[in-house]
Amino acid sequence: MNSDSMLYNMRSLDYEEVNGPALHPNLVYRSALPLFQEEPEMIRILQAHGIKTIIDLRTDEEKSEHYYSEAVLSRFEVMSVPIDSFTSIRRPDDDYSDYMNPLNHIFQECKTGISRVFSILQARESYPVLFHCFAGRDRAGVIAALLLDLLGFSNETIVRDYMLSPGAKAANIKQLVAEVQRMGGATDYLQQEVGLTSQQVDQVRSILLVR
């Protein structure tokens, strides 16, 4: 797709694996903060992709610096789901050399936010959905990794998706993938630790996976 029709670090999670799962295209997008774009152009791009719901993973402090206008709020369902892991421990432009510290924090201390994200994703009326943080790399990367693992995609696909983000480091995504697997995989983590029901998990799969 032409980069002029995309926001910074924006992409659709429309992956397909040989003899494996395939995602319906143009239902789930991830990006950096859409407000990096001039507002009229941002609105045009979001509407061109049919976005209905925006999941904003930024903290309240971040939102006080860059906030959505009434014009945006009147056109899209903007859901504020603060996940403070990476910004509270490191600045967004840090190299995250100690990646396990924010990862452990996000998986243990941000369960309410993660639960909220997947509750939105299990509602058909939410779609198409865009989720973003600030750079669209790490917090968005955690949500993307959990979602792709939940849907049965391989670690290779999760790594490939993460590495499309500017500033992505292979060592960090390898730690993220290893941590998800250490927890028993996304399904076990989301059900046993976060509190999603099997019905919610099945609903996410039924919406997003090509049968």
N, C-alpha and C. Protein backbone atom coordinates (compact mmCIF):
# COMPACT_ATOMS: atom_id res chain seq x y z
N MET A 1 0.84 -1.19 0.00
CA MET A 1 0.00 0.00 0.00
C MET A 1 0.87 1.24 0.00
N ASN A 2 0.47 2.28 -0.73
CA ASN A 2 1.20 3.53 -0.82
C ASN A 2 1.40 4.13 0.57
N SER A 3 2.64 4.55 0.86
CA SER A 3 2.92 5.10 2.18
C SER A 3 2.14 6.37 2.45
N ASP A 4 1.70 7.07 1.38
CA ASP A 4 0.91 8.28 1.57
C ASP A 4 -0.44 7.98 2.20
N SER A 5 -0.88 6.73 2.10
CA SER A 5 -2.18 6.36 2.67
C SER A 5 -2.04 5.72 4.04
N MET A 6 -0.86 5.83 4.63
CA MET A 6 -0.61 5.23 5.93
C MET A 6 -0.08 6.27 6.90
N LEU A 7 -0.32 6.05 8.18
CA LEU A 7 0.28 6.86 9.23
C LEU A 7 1.69 6.36 9.50
N TYR A 8 2.43 7.10 10.32
CA TYR A 8 3.78 6.69 10.66
C TYR A 8 3.77 5.33 11.37
N ASN A 9 4.60 4.42 10.88
CA ASN A 9 4.73 3.07 11.44
C ASN A 9 3.39 2.32 11.47
N MET A 10 2.54 2.58 10.50
CA MET A 10 1.23 1.93 10.43
C MET A 10 1.28 0.71 9.52
N ARG A 11 0.62 -0.35 9.94
CA ARG A 11 0.48 -1.53 9.08
C ARG A 11 -0.72 -2.34 9.54
N SER A 12 -1.25 -3.09 8.59
CA SER A 12 -2.35 -4.00 8.88
C SER A 12 -1.77 -5.34 9.29
N LEU A 13 -2.35 -5.94 10.33
CA LEU A 13 -1.94 -7.29 10.70
C LEU A 13 -2.77 -8.26 9.85
N ASP A 14 -2.28 -8.50 8.65
CA ASP A 14 -3.02 -9.36 7.72
C ASP A 14 -2.15 -10.53 7.26
N TYR A 15 -1.43 -11.12 8.23
CA TYR A 15 -0.47 -12.17 7.92
C TYR A 15 -1.15 -13.49 7.57
N GLU A 16 -0.41 -14.29 6.82
CA GLU A 16 -0.87 -15.63 6.43
C GLU A 16 0.33 -16.55 6.39
N GLU A 17 0.19 -17.71 6.99
CA GLU A 17 1.29 -18.67 7.00
C GLU A 17 0.92 -19.88 6.16
N VAL A 18 1.91 -20.43 5.47
CA VAL A 18 1.69 -21.63 4.68
C VAL A 18 1.29 -22.77 5.62
N ASN A 19 0.18 -23.42 5.31
CA ASN A 19 -0.34 -24.50 6.15
C ASN A 19 -0.57 -24.05 7.60
N GLY A 20 -0.88 -22.77 7.74
CA GLY A 20 -1.11 -22.23 9.08
C GLY A 20 -2.22 -21.21 9.07
N PRO A 21 -2.29 -20.38 10.09
CA PRO A 21 -3.40 -19.41 10.21
C PRO A 21 -3.28 -18.28 9.19
N ALA A 22 -4.41 -17.65 8.93
CA ALA A 22 -4.46 -16.47 8.07
C ALA A 22 -5.43 -15.49 8.67
N LEU A 23 -5.06 -14.22 8.65
CA LEU A 23 -5.90 -13.16 9.20
C LEU A 23 -6.73 -12.51 8.11
N HIS A 24 -7.97 -12.19 8.44
CA HIS A 24 -8.75 -11.36 7.53
C HIS A 24 -8.03 -10.02 7.38
N PRO A 25 -7.85 -9.55 6.15
CA PRO A 25 -7.13 -8.28 5.97
C PRO A 25 -7.95 -7.08 6.40
N ASN A 26 -7.22 -6.03 6.77
CA ASN A 26 -7.81 -4.72 7.00
C ASN A 26 -8.80 -4.67 8.16
N LEU A 27 -8.59 -5.52 9.15
CA LEU A 27 -9.42 -5.47 10.35
C LEU A 27 -8.66 -4.91 11.54
N VAL A 28 -7.38 -5.26 11.65
CA VAL A 28 -6.57 -4.81 12.79
C VAL A 28 -5.31 -4.11 12.26
N TYR A 29 -5.10 -2.89 12.74
CA TYR A 29 -3.93 -2.10 12.38
C TYR A 29 -3.18 -1.72 13.65
N ARG A 30 -1.87 -1.50 13.48
CA ARG A 30 -1.06 -0.93 14.55
C ARG A 30 -0.29 0.25 13.97
N SER A 31 0.04 1.21 14.83
CA SER A 31 0.76 2.38 14.34
C SER A 31 1.43 3.10 15.50
N ALA A 32 2.23 4.10 15.14
CA ALA A 32 2.68 5.08 16.11
C ALA A 32 1.54 6.05 16.38
N LEU A 33 1.78 7.03 17.21
CA LEU A 33 0.77 8.02 17.53
C LEU A 33 0.24 8.69 16.26
N PRO A 34 -1.05 8.53 15.96
CA PRO A 34 -1.59 9.15 14.74
C PRO A 34 -1.43 10.67 14.71
N LEU A 35 -1.32 11.30 15.89
CA LEU A 35 -1.21 12.75 15.96
C LEU A 35 0.12 13.29 15.45
N PHE A 36 1.04 12.41 15.06
CA PHE A 36 2.25 12.87 14.37
C PHE A 36 1.88 13.49 13.02
N GLN A 37 0.75 13.08 12.47
CA GLN A 37 0.27 13.56 11.18
C GLN A 37 -0.62 14.79 11.40
N GLU A 38 -0.61 15.71 10.44
CA GLU A 38 -1.54 16.84 10.51
C GLU A 38 -2.97 16.31 10.58
N GLU A 39 -3.80 16.94 11.42
CA GLU A 39 -5.11 16.37 11.72
C GLU A 39 -5.99 16.08 10.49
N PRO A 40 -6.14 17.00 9.54
CA PRO A 40 -7.00 16.68 8.39
C PRO A 40 -6.51 15.46 7.61
N GLU A 41 -5.20 15.33 7.46
CA GLU A 41 -4.65 14.19 6.76
C GLU A 41 -4.81 12.92 7.59
N MET A 42 -4.61 13.01 8.90
CA MET A 42 -4.80 11.87 9.78
C MET A 42 -6.23 11.35 9.69
N ILE A 43 -7.19 12.24 9.75
CA ILE A 43 -8.59 11.83 9.65
C ILE A 43 -8.86 11.18 8.30
N ARG A 44 -8.31 11.76 7.24
CA ARG A 44 -8.53 11.20 5.90
C ARG A 44 -7.99 9.77 5.83
N ILE A 45 -6.79 9.55 6.36
CA ILE A 45 -6.17 8.22 6.31
C ILE A 45 -6.98 7.22 7.13
N LEU A 46 -7.36 7.60 8.34
CA LEU A 46 -8.14 6.70 9.19
C LEU A 46 -9.47 6.34 8.53
N GLN A 47 -10.13 7.31 7.95
CA GLN A 47 -11.40 7.04 7.29
C GLN A 47 -11.22 6.20 6.04
N ALA A 48 -10.10 6.40 5.32
CA ALA A 48 -9.83 5.61 4.12
C ALA A 48 -9.69 4.13 4.46
N HIS A 49 -9.20 3.83 5.66
CA HIS A 49 -9.04 2.45 6.10
C HIS A 49 -10.27 1.95 6.86
N GLY A 50 -11.27 2.78 6.98
CA GLY A 50 -12.51 2.38 7.64
C GLY A 50 -12.39 2.23 9.14
N ILE A 51 -11.37 2.83 9.74
CA ILE A 51 -11.16 2.65 11.18
C ILE A 51 -12.37 3.13 11.96
N LYS A 52 -12.85 2.29 12.86
CA LYS A 52 -13.96 2.66 13.73
C LYS A 52 -13.49 2.91 15.15
N THR A 53 -12.52 2.08 15.62
CA THR A 53 -12.07 2.16 17.01
C THR A 53 -10.56 2.38 17.06
N ILE A 54 -10.16 3.34 17.87
CA ILE A 54 -8.74 3.61 18.12
C ILE A 54 -8.46 3.25 19.58
N ILE A 55 -7.51 2.35 19.80
CA ILE A 55 -7.09 1.98 21.15
C ILE A 55 -5.79 2.72 21.44
N ASP A 56 -5.86 3.67 22.38
CA ASP A 56 -4.73 4.52 22.72
C ASP A 56 -4.06 3.96 23.98
N LEU A 57 -2.85 3.43 23.82
CA LEU A 57 -2.14 2.78 24.92
C LEU A 57 -1.28 3.74 25.74
N ARG A 58 -1.32 5.02 25.42
CA ARG A 58 -0.48 5.98 26.11
C ARG A 58 -0.99 6.28 27.53
N THR A 59 -0.08 6.78 28.35
CA THR A 59 -0.43 7.17 29.71
C THR A 59 -1.14 8.52 29.70
N ASP A 60 -1.76 8.86 30.82
CA ASP A 60 -2.43 10.15 30.93
C ASP A 60 -1.44 11.30 30.75
N GLU A 61 -0.23 11.14 31.26
CA GLU A 61 0.79 12.18 31.09
C GLU A 61 1.11 12.39 29.62
N GLU A 62 1.27 11.31 28.88
CA GLU A 62 1.54 11.44 27.45
C GLU A 62 0.38 12.12 26.72
N LYS A 63 -0.83 11.76 27.11
CA LYS A 63 -2.01 12.32 26.43
C LYS A 63 -2.17 13.80 26.72
N SER A 64 -1.64 14.30 27.84
CA SER A 64 -1.71 15.72 28.13
C SER A 64 -0.82 16.53 27.19
N GLU A 65 0.17 15.88 26.61
CA GLU A 65 1.08 16.55 25.67
C GLU A 65 0.55 16.51 24.25
N HIS A 66 -0.07 15.39 23.86
CA HIS A 66 -0.63 15.22 22.52
C HIS A 66 -2.00 14.58 22.68
N TYR A 67 -3.05 15.34 22.42
CA TYR A 67 -4.39 14.82 22.70
C TYR A 67 -5.27 14.92 21.46
N TYR A 68 -6.28 14.04 21.42
CA TYR A 68 -7.22 14.02 20.32
C TYR A 68 -8.22 15.16 20.45
N SER A 69 -8.49 15.81 19.33
CA SER A 69 -9.44 16.92 19.33
C SER A 69 -10.87 16.40 19.29
N GLU A 70 -11.80 17.30 19.51
CA GLU A 70 -13.21 16.95 19.42
C GLU A 70 -13.57 16.48 18.01
N ALA A 71 -12.90 17.03 17.01
CA ALA A 71 -13.17 16.62 15.63
C ALA A 71 -12.86 15.14 15.43
N VAL A 72 -11.78 14.67 16.06
CA VAL A 72 -11.42 13.25 15.96
C VAL A 72 -12.37 12.41 16.81
N LEU A 73 -12.62 12.87 18.02
CA LEU A 73 -13.48 12.10 18.93
C LEU A 73 -14.90 11.96 18.39
N SER A 74 -15.33 12.89 17.56
CA SER A 74 -16.67 12.81 16.99
C SER A 74 -16.76 11.83 15.82
N ARG A 75 -15.61 11.46 15.28
CA ARG A 75 -15.59 10.58 14.10
C ARG A 75 -15.21 9.14 14.44
N PHE A 76 -14.44 8.94 15.51
CA PHE A 76 -13.93 7.62 15.86
C PHE A 76 -14.17 7.34 17.34
N GLU A 77 -14.30 6.07 17.66
CA GLU A 77 -14.41 5.64 19.06
C GLU A 77 -12.99 5.50 19.61
N VAL A 78 -12.55 6.48 20.37
CA VAL A 78 -11.20 6.46 20.92
C VAL A 78 -11.26 5.89 22.33
N MET A 79 -10.63 4.75 22.52
CA MET A 79 -10.63 4.05 23.80
C MET A 79 -9.28 4.24 24.48
N SER A 80 -9.29 4.88 25.62
CA SER A 80 -8.06 5.11 26.37
C SER A 80 -7.76 3.90 27.26
N VAL A 81 -6.65 3.23 26.97
CA VAL A 81 -6.25 2.05 27.74
C VAL A 81 -4.79 2.24 28.13
N PRO A 82 -4.52 3.02 29.18
CA PRO A 82 -3.13 3.32 29.53
C PRO A 82 -2.34 2.08 29.94
N ILE A 83 -1.20 1.92 29.30
CA ILE A 83 -0.24 0.88 29.68
C ILE A 83 1.08 1.61 29.90
N ASP A 84 1.52 1.65 31.16
CA ASP A 84 2.60 2.57 31.51
C ASP A 84 3.99 1.97 31.47
N SER A 85 4.13 0.73 31.07
CA SER A 85 5.38 0.01 31.25
C SER A 85 6.60 0.76 30.72
N PHE A 86 6.67 0.92 29.42
CA PHE A 86 7.91 1.40 28.82
C PHE A 86 8.15 2.88 29.11
N THR A 87 7.11 3.69 29.12
CA THR A 87 7.31 5.12 29.37
C THR A 87 7.65 5.40 30.82
N SER A 88 7.16 4.58 31.75
CA SER A 88 7.45 4.86 33.16
C SER A 88 8.85 4.41 33.54
N ILE A 89 9.40 3.48 32.78
CA ILE A 89 10.71 2.94 33.12
C ILE A 89 11.80 3.52 32.22
N ARG A 90 11.46 3.71 30.96
CA ARG A 90 12.39 4.26 29.98
C ARG A 90 11.68 5.32 29.14
N ARG A 91 12.42 6.24 28.58
CA ARG A 91 11.85 7.17 27.63
C ARG A 91 11.65 6.46 26.29
N PRO A 92 10.70 6.96 25.45
CA PRO A 92 10.41 6.27 24.19
C PRO A 92 11.59 6.12 23.25
N ASP A 93 12.62 7.02 23.36
CA ASP A 93 13.76 6.94 22.44
C ASP A 93 14.93 6.15 23.03
N ASP A 94 14.73 5.50 24.19
CA ASP A 94 15.78 4.70 24.80
C ASP A 94 16.01 3.44 23.98
N ASP A 95 17.18 2.85 24.13
CA ASP A 95 17.47 1.61 23.39
C ASP A 95 16.95 0.36 24.11
N TYR A 96 16.40 0.52 25.34
CA TYR A 96 15.84 -0.60 26.09
C TYR A 96 16.82 -1.76 26.23
N SER A 97 18.04 -1.43 26.61
CA SER A 97 19.04 -2.48 26.76
C SER A 97 18.64 -3.47 27.85
N ASP A 98 17.91 -2.97 28.87
CA ASP A 98 17.40 -3.86 29.92
C ASP A 98 15.92 -4.10 29.62
N TYR A 99 15.64 -4.89 28.61
CA TYR A 99 14.27 -5.03 28.11
C TYR A 99 13.38 -5.84 29.04
N MET A 100 13.97 -6.74 29.83
CA MET A 100 13.16 -7.60 30.67
C MET A 100 12.47 -6.82 31.79
N ASN A 101 13.08 -5.73 32.24
CA ASN A 101 12.46 -4.95 33.30
C ASN A 101 11.10 -4.40 32.88
N PRO A 102 10.99 -3.66 31.77
CA PRO A 102 9.66 -3.21 31.35
C PRO A 102 8.75 -4.34 30.92
N LEU A 103 9.30 -5.42 30.34
CA LEU A 103 8.45 -6.54 29.96
C LEU A 103 7.80 -7.17 31.17
N ASN A 104 8.59 -7.43 32.21
CA ASN A 104 8.03 -8.02 33.42
C ASN A 104 6.96 -7.10 34.02
N HIS A 105 7.23 -5.80 33.98
CA HIS A 105 6.26 -4.85 34.51
C HIS A 105 4.95 -4.91 33.74
N ILE A 106 5.04 -4.90 32.43
CA ILE A 106 3.82 -4.87 31.61
C ILE A 106 3.00 -6.14 31.80
N PHE A 107 3.64 -7.28 31.87
CA PHE A 107 2.90 -8.54 32.00
C PHE A 107 2.33 -8.74 33.41
N GLN A 108 2.95 -8.16 34.40
CA GLN A 108 2.48 -8.35 35.77
C GLN A 108 1.62 -7.20 36.29
N GLU A 109 1.94 -5.96 35.89
CA GLU A 109 1.28 -4.80 36.47
C GLU A 109 0.25 -4.14 35.55
N CYS A 110 0.19 -4.55 34.30
CA CYS A 110 -0.71 -3.91 33.34
C CYS A 110 -1.79 -4.87 32.84
N LYS A 111 -2.16 -5.83 33.68
CA LYS A 111 -3.14 -6.83 33.26
C LYS A 111 -4.51 -6.23 33.00
N THR A 112 -4.88 -5.21 33.75
CA THR A 112 -6.18 -4.58 33.55
C THR A 112 -6.25 -3.96 32.16
N GLY A 113 -5.18 -3.28 31.76
CA GLY A 113 -5.14 -2.68 30.44
C GLY A 113 -5.16 -3.73 29.34
N ILE A 114 -4.40 -4.79 29.52
CA ILE A 114 -4.37 -5.86 28.51
C ILE A 114 -5.74 -6.50 28.39
N SER A 115 -6.41 -6.72 29.53
CA SER A 115 -7.76 -7.27 29.52
C SER A 115 -8.71 -6.37 28.74
N ARG A 116 -8.57 -5.07 28.96
CA ARG A 116 -9.44 -4.12 28.27
C ARG A 116 -9.22 -4.15 26.76
N VAL A 117 -7.98 -4.23 26.33
CA VAL A 117 -7.68 -4.31 24.90
C VAL A 117 -8.36 -5.51 24.27
N PHE A 118 -8.24 -6.67 24.89
CA PHE A 118 -8.80 -7.88 24.30
C PHE A 118 -10.32 -7.92 24.43
N SER A 119 -10.86 -7.23 25.41
CA SER A 119 -12.31 -7.10 25.48
C SER A 119 -12.83 -6.29 24.30
N ILE A 120 -12.10 -5.27 23.91
CA ILE A 120 -12.47 -4.50 22.72
C ILE A 120 -12.34 -5.35 21.48
N LEU A 121 -11.28 -6.14 21.40
CA LEU A 121 -11.04 -6.96 20.21
C LEU A 121 -12.04 -8.11 20.06
N GLN A 122 -12.75 -8.46 21.13
CA GLN A 122 -13.72 -9.55 21.00
C GLN A 122 -15.11 -9.04 20.63
N ALA A 123 -15.24 -7.74 20.40
CA ALA A 123 -16.52 -7.15 20.01
C ALA A 123 -16.51 -6.85 18.51
N ARG A 124 -17.38 -7.50 17.77
CA ARG A 124 -17.40 -7.31 16.31
C ARG A 124 -17.61 -5.86 15.91
N GLU A 125 -18.39 -5.14 16.71
CA GLU A 125 -18.69 -3.76 16.34
C GLU A 125 -17.49 -2.83 16.47
N SER A 126 -16.40 -3.30 17.04
CA SER A 126 -15.20 -2.47 17.20
C SER A 126 -14.44 -2.29 15.89
N TYR A 127 -14.61 -3.19 14.96
CA TYR A 127 -13.73 -3.25 13.79
C TYR A 127 -14.18 -2.37 12.65
N PRO A 128 -13.15 -1.96 11.86
CA PRO A 128 -11.71 -2.12 11.98
C PRO A 128 -11.12 -1.32 13.15
N VAL A 129 -10.07 -1.90 13.74
CA VAL A 129 -9.43 -1.37 14.94
C VAL A 129 -8.00 -0.93 14.63
N LEU A 130 -7.60 0.19 15.22
CA LEU A 130 -6.20 0.62 15.20
C LEU A 130 -5.74 0.73 16.66
N PHE A 131 -4.63 0.08 17.02
CA PHE A 131 -4.06 0.29 18.35
C PHE A 131 -2.69 0.93 18.19
N HIS A 132 -2.38 1.82 19.12
CA HIS A 132 -1.11 2.55 19.03
C HIS A 132 -0.62 2.93 20.42
N CYS A 133 0.68 3.20 20.50
CA CYS A 133 1.26 3.80 21.71
C CYS A 133 1.89 5.12 21.28
N PHE A 134 3.15 5.34 21.55
CA PHE A 134 3.81 6.58 21.10
C PHE A 134 4.58 6.31 19.81
N ALA A 135 5.59 5.47 19.90
CA ALA A 135 6.36 5.13 18.70
C ALA A 135 5.72 3.98 17.91
N GLY A 136 4.78 3.29 18.52
CA GLY A 136 4.14 2.16 17.83
C GLY A 136 5.01 0.94 17.76
N ARG A 137 5.95 0.83 18.68
CA ARG A 137 6.91 -0.27 18.61
C ARG A 137 6.78 -1.23 19.79
N ASP A 138 6.89 -0.73 21.03
CA ASP A 138 7.04 -1.64 22.17
C ASP A 138 5.73 -1.99 22.86
N ARG A 139 4.98 -1.03 23.32
CA ARG A 139 3.68 -1.37 23.89
C ARG A 139 2.75 -1.95 22.82
N ALA A 140 2.74 -1.31 21.65
CA ALA A 140 1.97 -1.89 20.54
C ALA A 140 2.54 -3.24 20.14
N GLY A 141 3.85 -3.39 20.27
CA GLY A 141 4.49 -4.67 19.94
C GLY A 141 4.09 -5.78 20.88
N VAL A 142 3.91 -5.47 22.16
CA VAL A 142 3.46 -6.47 23.12
C VAL A 142 2.04 -6.93 22.78
N ILE A 143 1.15 -5.97 22.49
CA ILE A 143 -0.23 -6.34 22.13
C ILE A 143 -0.24 -7.15 20.85
N ALA A 144 0.54 -6.75 19.86
CA ALA A 144 0.59 -7.50 18.61
C ALA A 144 1.12 -8.91 18.82
N ALA A 145 2.15 -9.04 19.65
CA ALA A 145 2.74 -10.36 19.91
C ALA A 145 1.73 -11.27 20.61
N LEU A 146 1.03 -10.75 21.60
CA LEU A 146 0.01 -11.55 22.29
C LEU A 146 -1.11 -11.95 21.33
N LEU A 147 -1.54 -11.02 20.52
CA LEU A 147 -2.63 -11.31 19.59
C LEU A 147 -2.22 -12.34 18.56
N LEU A 148 -1.06 -12.18 17.96
CA LEU A 148 -0.62 -13.12 16.93
C LEU A 148 -0.39 -14.51 17.53
N ASP A 149 0.20 -14.58 18.73
CA ASP A 149 0.40 -15.87 19.37
C ASP A 149 -0.95 -16.52 19.69
N LEU A 150 -1.89 -15.72 20.18
CA LEU A 150 -3.23 -16.23 20.50
C LEU A 150 -3.89 -16.83 19.26
N LEU A 151 -3.63 -16.23 18.11
CA LEU A 151 -4.25 -16.69 16.86
C LEU A 151 -3.49 -17.83 16.20
N GLY A 152 -2.39 -18.26 16.80
CA GLY A 152 -1.69 -19.42 16.31
C GLY A 152 -0.55 -19.14 15.35
N PHE A 153 -0.11 -17.88 15.27
CA PHE A 153 0.99 -17.56 14.38
C PHE A 153 2.32 -17.94 15.00
N SER A 154 3.29 -18.18 14.15
CA SER A 154 4.61 -18.63 14.60
C SER A 154 5.40 -17.48 15.19
N ASN A 155 6.43 -17.83 15.95
CA ASN A 155 7.34 -16.82 16.48
C ASN A 155 8.01 -16.04 15.36
N GLU A 156 8.26 -16.70 14.22
CA GLU A 156 8.89 -16.02 13.09
C GLU A 156 8.03 -14.87 12.59
N THR A 157 6.71 -15.08 12.54
CA THR A 157 5.80 -14.02 12.10
C THR A 157 5.78 -12.88 13.11
N ILE A 158 5.77 -13.22 14.40
CA ILE A 158 5.78 -12.20 15.44
C ILE A 158 7.04 -11.35 15.37
N VAL A 159 8.18 -12.01 15.17
CA VAL A 159 9.46 -11.29 15.05
C VAL A 159 9.45 -10.40 13.81
N ARG A 160 8.97 -10.94 12.70
CA ARG A 160 8.94 -10.17 11.44
C ARG A 160 8.08 -8.93 11.57
N ASP A 161 6.94 -9.07 12.24
CA ASP A 161 6.06 -7.91 12.42
C ASP A 161 6.74 -6.85 13.28
N TYR A 162 7.31 -7.25 14.39
CA TYR A 162 7.96 -6.29 15.29
C TYR A 162 9.09 -5.56 14.59
N MET A 163 9.88 -6.28 13.78
CA MET A 163 11.07 -5.69 13.16
C MET A 163 10.73 -4.69 12.07
N LEU A 164 9.47 -4.57 11.69
CA LEU A 164 9.08 -3.55 10.72
C LEU A 164 9.07 -2.15 11.33
N SER A 165 9.09 -2.06 12.65
CA SER A 165 9.04 -0.75 13.32
C SER A 165 10.42 -0.10 13.34
N PRO A 166 10.50 1.20 13.04
CA PRO A 166 11.78 1.90 13.16
C PRO A 166 12.35 1.77 14.57
N GLY A 167 13.65 1.52 14.64
CA GLY A 167 14.31 1.39 15.93
C GLY A 167 14.18 0.02 16.58
N ALA A 168 13.50 -0.91 15.93
CA ALA A 168 13.32 -2.25 16.51
C ALA A 168 14.64 -2.98 16.60
N LYS A 169 14.82 -3.71 17.70
CA LYS A 169 16.04 -4.49 17.91
C LYS A 169 15.67 -5.97 18.03
N ALA A 170 16.39 -6.79 17.28
CA ALA A 170 16.10 -8.23 17.27
C ALA A 170 16.21 -8.83 18.66
N ALA A 171 17.17 -8.37 19.45
CA ALA A 171 17.35 -8.92 20.80
C ALA A 171 16.11 -8.69 21.65
N ASN A 172 15.46 -7.55 21.47
CA ASN A 172 14.28 -7.23 22.29
C ASN A 172 13.09 -8.10 21.93
N ILE A 173 12.82 -8.28 20.65
CA ILE A 173 11.67 -9.11 20.27
C ILE A 173 11.93 -10.56 20.62
N LYS A 174 13.16 -10.99 20.58
CA LYS A 174 13.46 -12.37 21.00
C LYS A 174 13.16 -12.55 22.48
N GLN A 175 13.45 -11.54 23.30
CA GLN A 175 13.12 -11.62 24.71
C GLN A 175 11.60 -11.61 24.92
N LEU A 176 10.91 -10.81 24.14
CA LEU A 176 9.46 -10.75 24.24
C LEU A 176 8.83 -12.09 23.88
N VAL A 177 9.25 -12.67 22.78
CA VAL A 177 8.73 -13.97 22.36
C VAL A 177 9.03 -15.03 23.41
N ALA A 178 10.26 -15.02 23.93
CA ALA A 178 10.65 -16.01 24.94
C ALA A 178 9.82 -15.86 26.20
N GLU A 179 9.50 -14.62 26.59
CA GLU A 179 8.71 -14.40 27.80
C GLU A 179 7.28 -14.88 27.61
N VAL A 180 6.70 -14.64 26.44
CA VAL A 180 5.35 -15.14 26.17
C VAL A 180 5.33 -16.67 26.25
N GLN A 181 6.34 -17.31 25.69
CA GLN A 181 6.39 -18.77 25.74
C GLN A 181 6.64 -19.27 27.16
N ARG A 182 7.45 -18.54 27.92
CA ARG A 182 7.72 -18.94 29.31
C ARG A 182 6.43 -18.93 30.12
N MET A 183 5.52 -18.02 29.79
CA MET A 183 4.25 -17.92 30.51
C MET A 183 3.23 -18.96 30.03
N GLY A 184 3.65 -19.80 29.10
CA GLY A 184 2.76 -20.84 28.60
C GLY A 184 2.05 -20.48 27.31
N GLY A 185 2.43 -19.34 26.72
CA GLY A 185 1.77 -18.87 25.51
C GLY A 185 0.69 -17.85 25.84
N ALA A 186 0.26 -17.13 24.81
CA ALA A 186 -0.71 -16.05 25.02
C ALA A 186 -2.04 -16.57 25.55
N THR A 187 -2.50 -17.72 25.08
CA THR A 187 -3.79 -18.23 25.52
C THR A 187 -3.80 -18.48 27.03
N ASP A 188 -2.78 -19.17 27.52
CA ASP A 188 -2.70 -19.44 28.96
C ASP A 188 -2.58 -18.15 29.76
N TYR A 189 -1.71 -17.25 29.29
CA TYR A 189 -1.52 -16.00 30.02
C TYR A 189 -2.80 -15.19 30.07
N LEU A 190 -3.47 -15.03 28.93
CA LEU A 190 -4.67 -14.20 28.87
C LEU A 190 -5.82 -14.79 29.68
N GLN A 191 -5.91 -16.11 29.73
CA GLN A 191 -7.00 -16.73 30.48
C GLN A 191 -6.66 -16.88 31.97
N GLN A 192 -5.46 -17.33 32.27
CA GLN A 192 -5.13 -17.63 33.66
C GLN A 192 -4.65 -16.42 34.44
N GLU A 193 -3.97 -15.50 33.78
CA GLU A 193 -3.41 -14.34 34.47
C GLU A 193 -4.25 -13.08 34.28
N VAL A 194 -4.74 -12.87 33.06
CA VAL A 194 -5.47 -11.64 32.74
C VAL A 194 -6.96 -11.79 33.03
N GLY A 195 -7.49 -13.02 32.90
CA GLY A 195 -8.88 -13.26 33.25
C GLY A 195 -9.85 -13.32 32.08
N LEU A 196 -9.33 -13.42 30.85
CA LEU A 196 -10.24 -13.60 29.71
C LEU A 196 -10.89 -14.98 29.80
N THR A 197 -12.12 -15.07 29.34
CA THR A 197 -12.80 -16.36 29.30
C THR A 197 -12.48 -17.07 27.99
N SER A 198 -12.72 -18.37 27.97
CA SER A 198 -12.51 -19.12 26.73
C SER A 198 -13.44 -18.62 25.64
N GLN A 199 -14.63 -18.15 26.02
CA GLN A 199 -15.57 -17.61 25.04
C GLN A 199 -15.02 -16.33 24.41
N GLN A 200 -14.39 -15.48 25.19
CA GLN A 200 -13.79 -14.26 24.64
C GLN A 200 -12.66 -14.60 23.69
N VAL A 201 -11.82 -15.55 24.07
CA VAL A 201 -10.72 -15.98 23.21
C VAL A 201 -11.26 -16.53 21.90
N ASP A 202 -12.26 -17.38 21.99
CA ASP A 202 -12.86 -17.96 20.78
C ASP A 202 -13.48 -16.89 19.90
N GLN A 203 -14.06 -15.86 20.52
CA GLN A 203 -14.68 -14.79 19.75
C GLN A 203 -13.64 -14.00 18.97
N VAL A 204 -12.50 -13.68 19.59
CA VAL A 204 -11.43 -12.99 18.89
C VAL A 204 -10.97 -13.82 17.69
N ARG A 205 -10.80 -15.10 17.90
CA ARG A 205 -10.36 -15.97 16.81
C ARG A 205 -11.40 -16.04 15.70
N SER A 206 -12.67 -16.12 16.08
CA SER A 206 -13.73 -16.26 15.05
C SER A 206 -13.84 -14.99 14.20
N ILE A 207 -13.55 -13.84 14.78
CA ILE A 207 -13.62 -12.58 14.04
C ILE A 207 -12.43 -12.43 13.10
N LEU A 208 -11.25 -12.77 13.57
CA LEU A 208 -10.04 -12.40 12.85
C LEU A 208 -9.47 -13.48 11.93
N LEU A 209 -9.71 -14.75 12.25
CA LEU A 209 -9.10 -15.81 11.45
C LEU A 209 -9.95 -16.20 10.27
N VAL A 210 -9.30 -16.38 9.13
CA VAL A 210 -9.98 -16.91 7.94
C VAL A 210 -10.22 -18.38 8.17
N ARG A 211 -11.46 -18.81 8.03
CA ARG A 211 -11.79 -20.21 8.28
C ARG A 211 -11.73 -21.03 6.99
